């Protein structure tokens, strides 16, 4: 059972892939490896949820919504192959104009808080799909670029490994203490790690990269079966 940030970092390095939440492969998550009272921190104590930012800051792994649209870590050792495979599944040209625009804005600024990126990309903070029409109150205007649409697009960009999370920034209490869940600061893997990922993949095809990752995971979780592993790391 993981009892400290250092132990969690070691496990991420050993396994290479670490979803935060349960995912169908028994034991393959921070949620299952960390004691329940350490998962989100209790009674003012730090827990795995608060360790995310410090772990990212050590530059040994990437963090984002990489696993079935849910968050987790990928070690730098495996990140080139992970990117090689995922970008073949999610070609940026097929992700639509809005997703490409979000990525272009992020590349221009290198890193941005979630709300900053949302507004700079032309999306509203409101999650409502319609907005008031002053010219015809009975006919609301479609709000296609609403907050929910942005959240879906930024999640897809993370699944495609075009975007990762560089840090979490917290609100401060009157005592100067951080509180709340933290606001994600987005970045691209290229800007954060200054790496040519195609070169780092060593000339392997996307399928070869996937086969390497799958073989590694089967070695760690032989009882899971290749189909479950492919669902978690491959899609």
C-alpha atoms as a PDB file:
ATOM      1  CA  UNK A   1       0.000   0.000   0.000  1.00  0.00           C
ATOM      2  CA  UNK A   2       1.348   3.404  -1.033  1.00  0.00           C
ATOM      3  CA  UNK A   3       1.782   5.720   1.955  1.00  0.00           C
ATOM      4  CA  UNK A   4       3.740   8.671   0.548  1.00  0.00           C
ATOM      5  CA  UNK A   5       4.249  10.792  -2.549  1.00  0.00           C
ATOM      6  CA  UNK A   6       7.718   9.292  -3.001  1.00  0.00           C
ATOM      7  CA  UNK A   7       6.320   5.751  -3.014  1.00  0.00           C
ATOM      8  CA  UNK A   8       3.699   6.735  -5.573  1.00  0.00           C
ATOM      9  CA  UNK A   9       6.334   8.289  -7.838  1.00  0.00           C
ATOM     10  CA  UNK A  10       8.380   5.082  -7.641  1.00  0.00           C
ATOM     11  CA  UNK A  11       5.346   2.998  -8.594  1.00  0.00           C
ATOM     12  CA  UNK A  12       4.564   5.262 -11.556  1.00  0.00           C
ATOM     13  CA  UNK A  13       8.143   4.847 -12.758  1.00  0.00           C
ATOM     14  CA  UNK A  14       7.986   1.059 -12.293  1.00  0.00           C
ATOM     15  CA  UNK A  15       4.648   0.533 -14.025  1.00  0.00           C
ATOM     16  CA  UNK A  16       4.963   3.314 -16.591  1.00  0.00           C
ATOM     17  CA  UNK A  17       1.207   3.895 -16.687  1.00  0.00           C
ATOM     18  CA  UNK A  18      -0.952   4.811 -13.696  1.00  0.00           C
ATOM     19  CA  UNK A  19      -4.642   5.725 -13.958  1.00  0.00           C
ATOM     20  CA  UNK A  20      -5.959   7.650 -10.974  1.00  0.00           C
ATOM     21  CA  UNK A  21      -9.267   5.778 -10.724  1.00  0.00           C
ATOM     22  CA  UNK A  22     -10.419   2.162 -10.945  1.00  0.00           C
ATOM     23  CA  UNK A  23     -10.670   1.032 -14.549  1.00  0.00           C
ATOM     24  CA  UNK A  24     -11.454  -2.656 -14.891  1.00  0.00           C
ATOM     25  CA  UNK A  25      -7.932  -3.985 -14.243  1.00  0.00           C
ATOM     26  CA  UNK A  26      -7.782  -4.917 -10.581  1.00  0.00           C
ATOM     27  CA  UNK A  27      -5.117  -2.995  -8.681  1.00  0.00           C
ATOM     28  CA  UNK A  28      -4.172  -0.797 -11.637  1.00  0.00           C
ATOM     29  CA  UNK A  29      -4.988   2.617 -10.170  1.00  0.00           C
ATOM     30  CA  UNK A  30      -3.915   5.127  -7.580  1.00  0.00           C
ATOM     31  CA  UNK A  31      -7.364   4.731  -6.038  1.00  0.00           C
ATOM     32  CA  UNK A  32      -6.598   1.078  -5.248  1.00  0.00           C
ATOM     33  CA  UNK A  33      -2.933   1.490  -4.335  1.00  0.00           C
ATOM     34  CA  UNK A  34      -3.300   4.363  -1.851  1.00  0.00           C
ATOM     35  CA  UNK A  35      -4.958   4.015   1.545  1.00  0.00           C
ATOM     36  CA  UNK A  36      -8.501   5.477   1.482  1.00  0.00           C
ATOM     37  CA  UNK A  37      -7.667   8.215   4.000  1.00  0.00           C
ATOM     38  CA  UNK A  38      -4.728   9.301   1.815  1.00  0.00           C
ATOM     39  CA  UNK A  39      -6.553   9.394  -1.496  1.00  0.00           C
ATOM     40  CA  UNK A  40      -7.956  12.918  -1.237  1.00  0.00           C
ATOM     41  CA  UNK A  41      -6.379  13.953   2.060  1.00  0.00           C
ATOM     42  CA  UNK A  42      -8.354  14.295   5.262  1.00  0.00           C
ATOM     43  CA  UNK A  43      -8.312  16.621   8.242  1.00  0.00           C
ATOM     44  CA  UNK A  44      -6.059  19.108   6.456  1.00  0.00           C
ATOM     45  CA  UNK A  45      -3.488  16.466   5.505  1.00  0.00           C
ATOM     46  CA  UNK A  46      -2.115  16.085   1.983  1.00  0.00           C
ATOM     47  CA  UNK A  47      -3.163  13.086  -0.087  1.00  0.00           C
ATOM     48  CA  UNK A  48      -2.674  11.611  -3.554  1.00  0.00           C
ATOM     49  CA  UNK A  49      -4.997  14.215  -5.085  1.00  0.00           C
ATOM     50  CA  UNK A  50      -2.738  16.990  -3.773  1.00  0.00           C
ATOM     51  CA  UNK A  51       0.439  15.148  -4.801  1.00  0.00           C
ATOM     52  CA  UNK A  52      -0.385  15.465  -8.512  1.00  0.00           C
ATOM     53  CA  UNK A  53       1.197  18.889  -9.014  1.00  0.00           C
ATOM     54  CA  UNK A  54       4.414  18.132  -7.100  1.00  0.00           C
ATOM     55  CA  UNK A  55       4.816  14.837  -8.983  1.00  0.00           C
ATOM     56  CA  UNK A  56       4.377  16.606 -12.331  1.00  0.00           C
ATOM     57  CA  UNK A  57       6.945  19.225 -11.275  1.00  0.00           C
ATOM     58  CA  UNK A  58       9.632  16.543 -10.938  1.00  0.00           C
ATOM     59  CA  UNK A  59       9.527  16.089 -14.739  1.00  0.00           C
ATOM     60  CA  UNK A  60       9.537  12.292 -14.644  1.00  0.00           C
ATOM     61  CA  UNK A  61       6.010  11.719 -15.925  1.00  0.00           C
ATOM     62  CA  UNK A  62       3.137  13.392 -17.762  1.00  0.00           C
ATOM     63  CA  UNK A  63      -0.363  13.810 -16.377  1.00  0.00           C
ATOM     64  CA  UNK A  64      -3.687  14.229 -18.130  1.00  0.00           C
ATOM     65  CA  UNK A  65      -6.936  12.555 -19.097  1.00  0.00           C
ATOM     66  CA  UNK A  66      -5.145   9.708 -20.837  1.00  0.00           C
ATOM     67  CA  UNK A  67      -7.161   6.638 -19.822  1.00  0.00           C
ATOM     68  CA  UNK A  68     -10.689   6.294 -21.220  1.00  0.00           C
ATOM     69  CA  UNK A  69     -11.153  10.019 -20.720  1.00  0.00           C
ATOM     70  CA  UNK A  70     -10.021   9.870 -17.091  1.00  0.00           C
ATOM     71  CA  UNK A  71      -6.868  11.174 -15.468  1.00  0.00           C
ATOM     72  CA  UNK A  72      -3.583   9.410 -14.867  1.00  0.00           C
ATOM     73  CA  UNK A  73       0.192   9.439 -15.268  1.00  0.00           C
ATOM     74  CA  UNK A  74       2.523   8.145 -17.993  1.00  0.00           C
ATOM     75  CA  UNK A  75       6.245   7.963 -17.228  1.00  0.00           C
ATOM     76  CA  UNK A  76       8.689   9.740 -19.528  1.00  0.00           C
ATOM     77  CA  UNK A  77      10.195   6.364 -20.366  1.00  0.00           C
ATOM     78  CA  UNK A  78       6.957   5.286 -22.032  1.00  0.00           C
ATOM     79  CA  UNK A  79       5.647   8.662 -23.162  1.00  0.00           C
ATOM     80  CA  UNK A  80       7.252   8.572 -26.662  1.00  0.00           C
ATOM     81  CA  UNK A  81       5.556   5.264 -27.493  1.00  0.00           C
ATOM     82  CA  UNK A  82       2.314   6.364 -25.860  1.00  0.00           C
ATOM     83  CA  UNK A  83       2.259   9.538 -27.974  1.00  0.00           C
ATOM     84  CA  UNK A  84       3.282   7.607 -31.098  1.00  0.00           C
ATOM     85  CA  UNK A  85       0.314   5.268 -30.691  1.00  0.00           C
ATOM     86  CA  UNK A  86      -2.329   7.697 -29.480  1.00  0.00           C
ATOM     87  CA  UNK A  87      -1.697  10.323 -32.160  1.00  0.00           C
ATOM     88  CA  UNK A  88      -2.197   7.618 -34.764  1.00  0.00           C
ATOM     89  CA  UNK A  89      -5.627   6.941 -33.251  1.00  0.00           C
ATOM     90  CA  UNK A  90      -6.522  10.616 -32.910  1.00  0.00           C
ATOM     91  CA  UNK A  91      -5.107  12.427 -35.976  1.00  0.00           C
ATOM     92  CA  UNK A  92      -5.281  16.130 -35.238  1.00  0.00           C
ATOM     93  CA  UNK A  93      -6.688  16.870 -38.705  1.00  0.00           C
ATOM     94  CA  UNK A  94      -9.707  14.691 -37.916  1.00  0.00           C
ATOM     95  CA  UNK A  95     -10.538  16.346 -34.593  1.00  0.00           C
ATOM     96  CA  UNK A  96     -12.394  19.309 -36.034  1.00  0.00           C
ATOM     97  CA  UNK A  97     -11.860  23.042 -36.340  1.00  0.00           C
ATOM     98  CA  UNK A  98     -12.681  23.883 -32.714  1.00  0.00           C
ATOM     99  CA  UNK A  99     -10.196  21.373 -31.282  1.00  0.00           C
ATOM    100  CA  UNK A 100      -7.513  22.604 -33.669  1.00  0.00           C
ATOM    101  CA  UNK A 101      -8.237  26.199 -32.684  1.00  0.00           C
ATOM    102  CA  UNK A 102      -7.877  25.380 -28.973  1.00  0.00           C
ATOM    103  CA  UNK A 103      -4.556  23.680 -29.668  1.00  0.00           C
ATOM    104  CA  UNK A 104      -3.325  26.604 -31.785  1.00  0.00           C
ATOM    105  CA  UNK A 105      -4.145  29.053 -28.977  1.00  0.00           C
ATOM    106  CA  UNK A 106      -2.368  26.868 -26.418  1.00  0.00           C
ATOM    107  CA  UNK A 107       0.723  26.470 -28.607  1.00  0.00           C
ATOM    108  CA  UNK A 108       0.870  30.245 -29.043  1.00  0.00           C
ATOM    109  CA  UNK A 109       0.801  30.858 -25.286  1.00  0.00           C
ATOM    110  CA  UNK A 110       2.779  27.709 -24.256  1.00  0.00           C
ATOM    111  CA  UNK A 111       0.710  27.200 -21.081  1.00  0.00           C
ATOM    112  CA  UNK A 112      -2.649  28.513 -19.879  1.00  0.00           C
ATOM    113  CA  UNK A 113      -5.058  27.950 -17.017  1.00  0.00           C
ATOM    114  CA  UNK A 114      -8.240  26.158 -18.030  1.00  0.00           C
ATOM    115  CA  UNK A 115     -10.448  29.261 -17.800  1.00  0.00           C
ATOM    116  CA  UNK A 116      -7.892  31.372 -19.675  1.00  0.00           C
ATOM    117  CA  UNK A 117      -7.681  28.876 -22.523  1.00  0.00           C
ATOM    118  CA  UNK A 118     -11.448  28.514 -22.648  1.00  0.00           C
ATOM    119  CA  UNK A 119     -12.047  32.250 -23.028  1.00  0.00           C
ATOM    120  CA  UNK A 120      -9.076  32.854 -25.357  1.00  0.00           C
ATOM    121  CA  UNK A 121     -10.391  30.099 -27.642  1.00  0.00           C
ATOM    122  CA  UNK A 122     -13.773  31.795 -27.919  1.00  0.00           C
ATOM    123  CA  UNK A 123     -15.767  29.575 -25.549  1.00  0.00           C
ATOM    124  CA  UNK A 124     -18.080  30.809 -22.820  1.00  0.00           C
ATOM    125  CA  UNK A 125     -17.670  29.961 -19.149  1.00  0.00           C
ATOM    126  CA  UNK A 126     -21.374  29.109 -19.078  1.00  0.00           C
ATOM    127  CA  UNK A 127     -22.257  25.455 -19.672  1.00  0.00           C
ATOM    128  CA  UNK A 128     -25.677  26.357 -21.068  1.00  0.00           C
ATOM    129  CA  UNK A 129     -26.287  25.301 -24.655  1.00  0.00           C
ATOM    130  CA  UNK A 130     -28.361  28.384 -25.382  1.00  0.00           C
ATOM    131  CA  UNK A 131     -28.146  32.066 -24.479  1.00  0.00           C
ATOM    132  CA  UNK A 132     -30.668  34.846 -24.252  1.00  0.00           C
ATOM    133  CA  UNK A 133     -31.697  36.478 -27.507  1.00  0.00           C
ATOM    134  CA  UNK A 134     -32.490  40.162 -26.825  1.00  0.00           C
ATOM    135  CA  UNK A 135     -34.037  40.555 -30.290  1.00  0.00           C
ATOM    136  CA  UNK A 136     -36.396  37.613 -29.826  1.00  0.00           C
ATOM    137  CA  UNK A 137     -36.634  36.435 -26.197  1.00  0.00           C
ATOM    138  CA  UNK A 138     -38.773  33.470 -27.221  1.00  0.00           C
ATOM    139  CA  UNK A 139     -36.014  32.154 -29.501  1.00  0.00           C
ATOM    140  CA  UNK A 140     -32.775  31.604 -27.560  1.00  0.00           C
ATOM    141  CA  UNK A 141     -29.509  31.638 -29.491  1.00  0.00           C
ATOM    142  CA  UNK A 142     -27.561  28.402 -29.741  1.00  0.00           C
ATOM    143  CA  UNK A 143     -24.392  28.574 -27.646  1.00  0.00           C
ATOM    144  CA  UNK A 144     -22.313  26.009 -29.514  1.00  0.00           C
ATOM    145  CA  UNK A 145     -19.070  27.115 -27.892  1.00  0.00           C
ATOM    146  CA  UNK A 146     -20.248  26.565 -24.330  1.00  0.00           C
ATOM    147  CA  UNK A 147     -18.178  25.408 -21.383  1.00  0.00           C
ATOM    148  CA  UNK A 148     -19.292  21.799 -21.719  1.00  0.00           C
ATOM    149  CA  UNK A 149     -18.219  21.701 -25.373  1.00  0.00           C
ATOM    150  CA  UNK A 150     -14.785  23.025 -24.393  1.00  0.00           C
ATOM    151  CA  UNK A 151     -14.419  20.394 -21.670  1.00  0.00           C
ATOM    152  CA  UNK A 152     -15.176  17.633 -24.181  1.00  0.00           C
ATOM    153  CA  UNK A 153     -12.680  18.994 -26.697  1.00  0.00           C
ATOM    154  CA  UNK A 154      -9.850  19.495 -24.197  1.00  0.00           C
ATOM    155  CA  UNK A 155     -10.440  15.949 -22.920  1.00  0.00           C
ATOM    156  CA  UNK A 156     -10.189  14.614 -26.491  1.00  0.00           C
ATOM    157  CA  UNK A 157      -6.957  16.568 -27.041  1.00  0.00           C
ATOM    158  CA  UNK A 158      -5.540  14.938 -23.916  1.00  0.00           C
ATOM    159  CA  UNK A 159      -6.612  11.480 -25.069  1.00  0.00           C
ATOM    160  CA  UNK A 160      -4.752  12.214 -28.295  1.00  0.00           C
ATOM    161  CA  UNK A 161      -1.705  13.359 -26.244  1.00  0.00           C
ATOM    162  CA  UNK A 162      -1.679  16.802 -27.852  1.00  0.00           C
ATOM    163  CA  UNK A 163      -2.302  18.391 -24.452  1.00  0.00           C
ATOM    164  CA  UNK A 164      -1.200  17.532 -20.921  1.00  0.00           C
ATOM    165  CA  UNK A 165      -1.512  19.185 -17.514  1.00  0.00           C
ATOM    166  CA  UNK A 166       1.521  21.178 -16.394  1.00  0.00           C
ATOM    167  CA  UNK A 167       0.328  21.975 -12.865  1.00  0.00           C
ATOM    168  CA  UNK A 168      -2.641  22.744 -10.650  1.00  0.00           C
ATOM    169  CA  UNK A 169      -3.148  26.197  -9.194  1.00  0.00           C
ATOM    170  CA  UNK A 170      -5.238  26.684  -6.060  1.00  0.00           C
ATOM    171  CA  UNK A 171      -7.278  29.469  -4.545  1.00  0.00           C
ATOM    172  CA  UNK A 172      -5.814  30.857  -1.319  1.00  0.00           C
ATOM    173  CA  UNK A 173      -7.657  31.360   1.944  1.00  0.00           C
ATOM    174  CA  UNK A 174      -7.332  34.504   4.057  1.00  0.00           C
ATOM    175  CA  UNK A 175      -4.515  32.700   5.859  1.00  0.00           C
ATOM    176  CA  UNK A 176      -2.714  32.170   2.568  1.00  0.00           C
ATOM    177  CA  UNK A 177      -3.419  28.432   2.531  1.00  0.00           C
ATOM    178  CA  UNK A 178      -4.450  26.684  -0.718  1.00  0.00           C
ATOM    179  CA  UNK A 179      -7.897  25.113  -0.865  1.00  0.00           C
ATOM    180  CA  UNK A 180     -10.292  23.535  -3.340  1.00  0.00           C
ATOM    181  CA  UNK A 181      -9.674  21.069  -6.169  1.00  0.00           C
ATOM    182  CA  UNK A 182      -7.180  23.176  -8.072  1.00  0.00           C
ATOM    183  CA  UNK A 183      -7.413  24.664 -11.566  1.00  0.00           C
ATOM    184  CA  UNK A 184      -5.535  22.821 -14.303  1.00  0.00           C
ATOM    185  CA  UNK A 185      -2.784  24.609 -16.213  1.00  0.00           C
ATOM    186  CA  UNK A 186      -2.619  23.119 -19.701  1.00  0.00           C
ATOM    187  CA  UNK A 187       0.450  22.726 -21.872  1.00  0.00           C
ATOM    188  CA  UNK A 188       1.596  20.656 -24.842  1.00  0.00           C
ATOM    189  CA  UNK A 189       4.059  17.801 -24.285  1.00  0.00           C
ATOM    190  CA  UNK A 190       6.375  19.506 -26.787  1.00  0.00           C
ATOM    191  CA  UNK A 191       6.502  22.750 -24.803  1.00  0.00           C
ATOM    192  CA  UNK A 192       6.730  21.060 -21.429  1.00  0.00           C
ATOM    193  CA  UNK A 193       9.419  18.488 -22.150  1.00  0.00           C
ATOM    194  CA  UNK A 194      11.092  20.058 -25.203  1.00  0.00           C
ATOM    195  CA  UNK A 195      11.261  16.698 -26.941  1.00  0.00           C
ATOM    196  CA  UNK A 196      10.829  15.594 -30.549  1.00  0.00           C
ATOM    197  CA  UNK A 197       8.440  12.736 -29.835  1.00  0.00           C
ATOM    198  CA  UNK A 198       8.699  11.139 -33.276  1.00  0.00           C
ATOM    199  CA  UNK A 199      12.465  10.945 -32.890  1.00  0.00           C
ATOM    200  CA  UNK A 200      12.154   9.729 -29.299  1.00  0.00           C
ATOM    201  CA  UNK A 201      10.003   6.808 -30.497  1.00  0.00           C
ATOM    202  CA  UNK A 202      13.083   5.449 -32.250  1.00  0.00           C
ATOM    203  CA  UNK A 203      11.524   4.957 -35.665  1.00  0.00           C
ATOM    204  CA  UNK A 204       8.914   2.512 -34.379  1.00  0.00           C
ATOM    205  CA  UNK A 205       5.561   2.395 -36.097  1.00  0.00           C
ATOM    206  CA  UNK A 206       2.524   3.230 -33.962  1.00  0.00           C
ATOM    207  CA  UNK A 207       1.608  -0.460 -33.880  1.00  0.00           C
ATOM    208  CA  UNK A 208       5.081  -1.433 -32.728  1.00  0.00           C
ATOM    209  CA  UNK A 209       4.815   1.147 -29.955  1.00  0.00           C
ATOM    210  CA  UNK A 210       1.476  -0.276 -28.880  1.00  0.00           C
ATOM    211  CA  UNK A 211       2.787  -3.839 -28.895  1.00  0.00           C
ATOM    212  CA  UNK A 212       5.686  -2.808 -26.645  1.00  0.00           C
ATOM    213  CA  UNK A 213       3.343  -1.109 -24.180  1.00  0.00           C
ATOM    214  CA  UNK A 214       0.876  -3.992 -24.203  1.00  0.00           C
ATOM    215  CA  UNK A 215       3.616  -6.579 -23.620  1.00  0.00           C
ATOM    216  CA  UNK A 216       4.910  -4.532 -20.695  1.00  0.00           C
ATOM    217  CA  UNK A 217       1.440  -4.290 -19.155  1.00  0.00           C
ATOM    218  CA  UNK A 218       0.668  -7.980 -19.686  1.00  0.00           C
ATOM    219  CA  UNK A 219       3.863  -8.712 -17.775  1.00  0.00           C
ATOM    220  CA  UNK A 220       2.597  -6.598 -14.870  1.00  0.00           C
ATOM    221  CA  UNK A 221      -1.028  -7.773 -14.975  1.00  0.00           C
ATOM    222  CA  UNK A 222      -1.141 -11.164 -16.733  1.00  0.00           C
ATOM    223  CA  UNK A 223      -4.583 -11.945 -15.337  1.00  0.00           C
ATOM    224  CA  UNK A 224      -6.098  -8.847 -16.942  1.00  0.00           C
ATOM    225  CA  UNK A 225      -5.889 -10.101 -20.504  1.00  0.00           C
ATOM    226  CA  UNK A 226      -4.842  -8.155 -23.577  1.00  0.00           C
ATOM    227  CA  UNK A 227      -8.339  -6.847 -24.376  1.00  0.00           C
ATOM    228  CA  UNK A 228      -8.665  -4.980 -21.080  1.00  0.00           C
ATOM    229  CA  UNK A 229      -5.154  -3.630 -21.400  1.00  0.00           C
ATOM    230  CA  UNK A 230      -5.817  -2.470 -24.960  1.00  0.00           C
ATOM    231  CA  UNK A 231      -8.975  -0.700 -23.812  1.00  0.00           C
ATOM    232  CA  UNK A 232      -7.082   1.209 -21.097  1.00  0.00           C
ATOM    233  CA  UNK A 233      -3.832   2.186 -22.804  1.00  0.00           C
ATOM    234  CA  UNK A 234      -4.839   1.819 -26.418  1.00  0.00           C
ATOM    235  CA  UNK A 235      -8.032   3.855 -26.778  1.00  0.00           C
END
